[in-house]
Amino acid sequence: MPELDLTGIRWAIVGGESGCKPEPMKKKWVEDIRQQCEATGVVFFFKHWAIVIKKRLGWSRTERAGLQRNACRA
């Protein structure tokens, strides 16, 4: 991961995509961002890895987002 310009940044919230086809997230990316935050005094918060939304009765659920309309129709 390239060096980030964290000037003026107080918090970095990092998390994987969620939805029908989330892109994979590499552990190395998270570690690189965390190290850069630590080096510059920016608070680092890791939200979650990529989450796949599964159908259930016409609604979808994710671990953190609660209920939302299913955008992943077959």
C-alpha atoms as a PDB file:
ATOM      1  CA  MET A   1       0.000   0.000   0.000  1.00  0.00           C
ATOM      2  CA  PRO A   2       1.412   3.428  -0.873  1.00  0.00           C
ATOM      3  CA  GLU A   3       2.139   5.969   1.822  1.00  0.00           C
ATOM      4  CA  LEU A   4      -1.024   7.837   2.756  1.00  0.00           C
ATOM      5  CA  ASP A   5      -1.200  11.594   3.325  1.00  0.00           C
ATOM      6  CA  LEU A   6      -2.886  11.660   6.729  1.00  0.00           C
ATOM      7  CA  THR A   7      -2.478  15.408   7.230  1.00  0.00           C
ATOM      8  CA  GLY A   8      -5.552  16.733   9.031  1.00  0.00           C
ATOM      9  CA  ILE A   9      -6.991  13.222   9.529  1.00  0.00           C
ATOM     10  CA  ARG A  10      -7.983  12.362  13.111  1.00  0.00           C
ATOM     11  CA  TRP A  11      -9.581   8.924  12.599  1.00  0.00           C
ATOM     12  CA  ALA A  12      -9.123   6.203   9.974  1.00  0.00           C
ATOM     13  CA  ILE A  13     -12.017   3.733   9.798  1.00  0.00           C
ATOM     14  CA  VAL A  14     -11.096   0.669   7.765  1.00  0.00           C
ATOM     15  CA  GLY A  15     -13.375  -2.137   6.635  1.00  0.00           C
ATOM     16  CA  GLY A  16     -14.092  -4.500   3.806  1.00  0.00           C
ATOM     17  CA  GLU A  17     -16.924  -4.219   1.339  1.00  0.00           C
ATOM     18  CA  SER A  18     -20.283  -5.800   1.965  1.00  0.00           C
ATOM     19  CA  GLY A  19     -22.960  -6.816  -0.492  1.00  0.00           C
ATOM     20  CA  CYS A  20     -23.523  -9.352  -3.223  1.00  0.00           C
ATOM     21  CA  LYS A  21     -19.964  -9.708  -4.473  1.00  0.00           C
ATOM     22  CA  PRO A  22     -17.554  -7.975  -2.098  1.00  0.00           C
ATOM     23  CA  GLU A  23     -13.992  -7.613  -3.298  1.00  0.00           C
ATOM     24  CA  PRO A  24     -11.467  -9.485  -1.167  1.00  0.00           C
ATOM     25  CA  MET A  25      -9.551  -7.469   1.377  1.00  0.00           C
ATOM     26  CA  LYS A  26      -5.955  -8.323   2.106  1.00  0.00           C
ATOM     27  CA  LYS A  27      -4.682  -8.467   5.686  1.00  0.00           C
ATOM     28  CA  LYS A  28      -1.521  -6.675   4.524  1.00  0.00           C
ATOM     29  CA  TRP A  29      -3.571  -3.617   3.496  1.00  0.00           C
ATOM     30  CA  VAL A  30      -5.104  -3.354   6.965  1.00  0.00           C
ATOM     31  CA  GLU A  31      -1.723  -3.777   8.642  1.00  0.00           C
ATOM     32  CA  ASP A  32      -0.114  -1.128   6.400  1.00  0.00           C
ATOM     33  CA  ILE A  33      -2.840   1.418   7.123  1.00  0.00           C
ATOM     34  CA  ARG A  34      -2.665   0.668  10.868  1.00  0.00           C
ATOM     35  CA  GLN A  35       1.118   1.158  10.894  1.00  0.00           C
ATOM     36  CA  GLN A  36       0.840   4.445   9.018  1.00  0.00           C
ATOM     37  CA  CYS A  37      -1.817   5.651  11.457  1.00  0.00           C
ATOM     38  CA  GLU A  38       0.309   4.713  14.464  1.00  0.00           C
ATOM     39  CA  ALA A  39       3.330   6.493  12.983  1.00  0.00           C
ATOM     40  CA  THR A  40       1.364   9.732  12.524  1.00  0.00           C
ATOM     41  CA  GLY A  41      -0.812   9.632  15.659  1.00  0.00           C
ATOM     42  CA  VAL A  42      -4.064   8.980  13.777  1.00  0.00           C
ATOM     43  CA  VAL A  43      -6.671   6.877  15.607  1.00  0.00           C
ATOM     44  CA  PHE A  44      -7.211   3.573  13.774  1.00  0.00           C
ATOM     45  CA  PHE A  45     -10.522   1.687  13.889  1.00  0.00           C
ATOM     46  CA  PHE A  46     -11.017  -1.629  12.083  1.00  0.00           C
ATOM     47  CA  LYS A  47     -14.695  -2.184  11.294  1.00  0.00           C
ATOM     48  CA  HIS A  48     -14.889  -5.631   9.626  1.00  0.00           C
ATOM     49  CA  TRP A  49     -13.623  -7.934   6.893  1.00  0.00           C
ATOM     50  CA  ALA A  50     -15.707  -8.261   3.711  1.00  0.00           C
ATOM     51  CA  ILE A  51     -19.226  -9.511   4.464  1.00  0.00           C
ATOM     52  CA  VAL A  52     -21.436 -11.443   2.079  1.00  0.00           C
ATOM     53  CA  ILE A  53     -25.135 -10.614   2.307  1.00  0.00           C
ATOM     54  CA  LYS A  54     -27.390 -13.673   2.238  1.00  0.00           C
ATOM     55  CA  LYS A  55     -31.052 -13.721   1.172  1.00  0.00           C
ATOM     56  CA  ARG A  56     -33.660 -14.348   3.848  1.00  0.00           C
ATOM     57  CA  LEU A  57     -37.366 -13.792   3.239  1.00  0.00           C
ATOM     58  CA  GLY A  58     -36.778 -10.994   0.734  1.00  0.00           C
ATOM     59  CA  TRP A  59     -34.563  -9.043   3.138  1.00  0.00           C
ATOM     60  CA  SER A  60     -30.815  -9.140   3.703  1.00  0.00           C
ATOM     61  CA  ARG A  61     -28.895  -8.973   6.938  1.00  0.00           C
ATOM     62  CA  THR A  62     -25.261  -8.225   7.681  1.00  0.00           C
ATOM     63  CA  GLU A  63     -23.534  -8.570  11.024  1.00  0.00           C
ATOM     64  CA  ARG A  64     -23.288  -4.825  11.607  1.00  0.00           C
ATOM     65  CA  ALA A  65     -25.765  -3.109   9.291  1.00  0.00           C
ATOM     66  CA  GLY A  66     -29.008  -4.705  10.477  1.00  0.00           C
ATOM     67  CA  LEU A  67     -31.808  -5.177   7.973  1.00  0.00           C
ATOM     68  CA  GLN A  68     -31.721  -3.653   4.504  1.00  0.00           C
ATOM     69  CA  ARG A  69     -33.416  -4.326   1.165  1.00  0.00           C
ATOM     70  CA  ASN A  70     -31.869  -7.197  -0.785  1.00  0.00           C
ATOM     71  CA  ALA A  71     -29.816  -5.758  -3.628  1.00  0.00           C
ATOM     72  CA  CYS A  72     -28.556  -9.206  -4.669  1.00  0.00           C
ATOM     73  CA  ARG A  73     -31.490 -10.718  -6.478  1.00  0.00           C
ATOM     74  CA  ALA A  74     -30.780 -13.879  -8.447  1.00  0.00           C
END
